[in-house]
Each structure stands twice: as structure tokens, then as C-alpha cells.
Protein backbone atom coordinates (compact mmCIF):
# COMPACT_ATOMS: atom_id res chain seq x y z
CA MET A 1 -37.51 55.69 -26.73
CA SER A 2 -38.42 59.10 -27.99
CA GLN A 3 -37.35 58.51 -31.58
CA PRO A 4 -40.16 58.56 -34.16
CA GLU A 5 -39.11 55.16 -35.55
CA GLN A 6 -38.62 52.66 -32.74
CA LEU A 7 -36.57 49.50 -33.08
CA TYR A 8 -39.16 47.54 -31.10
CA PRO A 9 -42.89 48.23 -31.15
CA ALA A 10 -44.27 49.43 -27.85
CA PRO A 11 -46.11 46.73 -25.93
CA SER A 12 -49.84 47.25 -26.14
CA ARG A 13 -53.14 45.68 -25.22
CA GLU A 14 -53.81 45.23 -28.95
CA LEU A 15 -50.66 43.13 -29.43
CA ALA A 16 -51.50 41.02 -26.37
CA GLU A 17 -55.04 40.46 -27.63
CA GLN A 18 -53.75 39.55 -31.08
CA ARG A 19 -51.41 36.95 -29.60
CA SER A 20 -54.28 35.46 -27.59
CA ARG A 21 -56.66 35.52 -30.54
CA LEU A 22 -54.19 33.84 -32.91
CA ALA A 23 -53.14 31.11 -30.46
CA PRO A 24 -55.41 31.15 -27.39
CA GLY A 25 -54.28 27.83 -25.91
CA PRO A 26 -50.56 28.55 -25.84
CA ALA A 27 -51.19 32.15 -24.77
CA GLU A 28 -53.22 31.03 -21.74
CA ALA A 29 -50.75 28.26 -20.91
CA PHE A 30 -47.88 30.74 -21.04
CA ARG A 31 -49.73 33.21 -18.75
CA ALA A 32 -50.47 30.44 -16.24
CA PHE A 33 -46.88 29.17 -16.40
CA SER A 34 -45.51 32.68 -15.90
CA GLN A 35 -47.78 33.33 -12.92
CA SER A 36 -46.74 30.02 -11.37
CA VAL A 37 -43.02 30.60 -11.94
CA PHE A 38 -42.99 34.11 -10.46
CA ALA A 39 -45.22 33.35 -7.45
CA ALA A 40 -43.43 33.39 -4.12
CA GLY A 41 -42.24 29.93 -3.12
CA ALA A 42 -38.88 28.71 -1.89
CA LEU A 43 -37.58 31.96 -3.41
CA PRO A 44 -39.34 35.22 -2.62
CA ALA A 45 -40.96 37.05 -5.56
CA LYS A 46 -38.38 39.85 -5.32
CA THR A 47 -35.51 37.37 -5.74
CA LYS A 48 -37.25 35.77 -8.72
CA GLN A 49 -37.64 39.19 -10.32
CA LEU A 50 -33.94 39.98 -9.76
CA ILE A 51 -33.08 36.68 -11.46
CA ALA A 52 -35.41 37.62 -14.31
CA VAL A 53 -33.72 41.03 -14.68
CA ALA A 54 -30.33 39.31 -14.93
CA VAL A 55 -31.55 36.71 -17.42
CA ALA A 56 -33.31 39.38 -19.49
CA HIS A 57 -29.97 41.12 -19.89
CA VAL A 58 -28.33 37.88 -21.04
CA THR A 59 -31.14 37.15 -23.52
CA GLN A 60 -31.16 40.86 -24.43
CA CYS A 61 -34.93 41.15 -24.50
CA PRO A 62 -35.81 44.84 -24.13
CA TYR A 63 -39.41 44.04 -23.20
CA CYS A 64 -38.29 41.67 -20.44
CA ILE A 65 -35.68 44.12 -19.17
CA ARG A 66 -38.28 46.86 -18.74
CA SER A 67 -41.02 44.60 -17.42
CA HIS A 68 -38.96 42.67 -14.87
CA THR A 69 -37.05 45.76 -13.73
CA GLY A 70 -40.36 47.49 -13.01
CA THR A 71 -41.78 44.41 -11.30
CA ALA A 72 -38.61 43.98 -9.23
CA LEU A 73 -38.94 47.60 -8.08
CA ARG A 74 -42.60 47.01 -7.15
CA HIS A 75 -41.49 43.97 -5.11
CA GLY A 76 -39.09 46.16 -3.15
CA ALA A 77 -35.82 45.67 -5.05
CA THR A 78 -33.47 48.61 -4.85
CA ALA A 79 -31.61 50.18 -7.75
CA GLU A 80 -28.41 48.79 -6.24
CA GLU A 81 -29.81 45.23 -6.13
CA ILE A 82 -30.97 45.50 -9.73
CA MET A 83 -27.59 46.77 -10.91
CA GLU A 84 -25.78 44.00 -9.01
CA ALA A 85 -28.04 41.44 -10.69
CA ILE A 86 -27.14 42.96 -14.06
CA TRP A 87 -23.43 42.75 -13.21
CA VAL A 88 -23.87 39.07 -12.31
CA ALA A 89 -25.45 38.55 -15.74
CA ALA A 90 -22.58 40.38 -17.43
CA GLU A 91 -20.01 38.24 -15.64
CA MET A 92 -21.83 35.04 -16.51
CA ARG A 93 -22.09 36.06 -20.16
CA ALA A 94 -18.39 36.96 -20.28
CA GLY A 95 -17.58 33.84 -18.29
CA GLY A 96 -19.32 31.73 -20.92
CA ALA A 97 -17.14 33.22 -23.65
CA TYR A 98 -14.06 32.63 -21.51
CA ALA A 99 -15.04 29.03 -20.74
CA HIS A 100 -15.92 28.27 -24.36
CA SER A 101 -12.51 29.53 -25.48
CA ALA A 102 -11.41 25.99 -24.53
CA LEU A 103 -13.12 24.84 -27.76
CA ALA A 104 -11.05 27.26 -29.84
CA LEU A 105 -7.87 26.29 -28.00
CA ASP A 106 -8.63 22.60 -28.57
CA THR A 107 -9.22 23.22 -32.28
CA ILE A 108 -5.95 25.17 -32.51
CA ALA A 109 -4.08 22.32 -30.80
CA HIS A 110 -5.57 19.73 -33.19
CA HIS A 111 -4.72 21.91 -36.18
CA GLN A 112 -1.14 22.37 -34.98
CA GLN A 113 -0.84 18.64 -34.35
CA GLN A 114 -2.05 17.88 -37.89
CA GLN A 115 0.39 20.41 -39.33
CA ALA A 116 3.27 18.81 -37.43
CA HIS A 117 2.49 15.35 -38.88
CA GLU A 118 1.91 16.47 -42.49
CA PRO A 119 4.84 16.91 -44.88
CA ASP A 120 5.74 20.51 -45.55
CA VAL A 121 4.26 20.98 -49.02
CA SER A 122 5.60 24.52 -49.32
CA ALA A 123 9.19 23.30 -48.72
CA ALA A 124 8.81 20.68 -51.46
CA VAL A 125 7.53 23.34 -53.86
CA ARG A 126 10.47 25.65 -53.04
CA GLU A 127 12.97 22.84 -53.76
CA ARG A 128 11.77 22.47 -57.36
């Protein structure tokens, strides 16, 4: 971002050191966990980074988007692969909203059912 006032502070060595200084145990555990998760295994490192790019877009973490996009590129991912991963994330996010609409539809059905079984108060008021 080239704006003088940024929405998110730029990542820096100072911030990383501050995190480690304030909570060294969790910071080290997180680093070790991250290294373990992203190491090549049943899935190649490139695939893991493409997954991370997609998830970063769902969680909307700008730091993760930049970091994992760069790491995916360094592991040989193409711009096309990265964009496809982002589209998968977009579909899954939209798909979640679509799937969860069942909750709203269920609530509407219950409300309509209740209304059908309750006496029409407005009609009684009009008759007076």
C-alpha cells in the first residue's frame, strides 16, 4: 500500500521480536507447528501453499494472503494456479452462505407455522 496511513502495519522484524519477547513459549510452538504443517509430506509443499492461499482469502488475512502467495510462487505455483485456488475459496465461502440459508428457511417455516396456529389478533381488533 502506498498510502501514508495503512490499514494494517507492515510486518517487521521488530513486531516478530516483540511477539517472541512477550510470549516466547507460544511463539516458538507456533513457529515449530507452522514449519511442520507446511513441510512436504503426503501433500507437496506447493499444494499446501495453494491451500493456504485459498484459506487466507476466506479468513481475509492480508498478511497471510501476501505471505502464502509469495511462498506458493517460490514453490513453483503459477499465477493461474493461485487464481484458481482463490476461486475455489470464493465458491466455498459463497457455498457456505447458500448452505446456511437452510437455517433462515427453517426459521421462516417455523414462524409461518406459528402464525397459522395463532388467532388473528388484528382481525379481532378490526371487529371492535
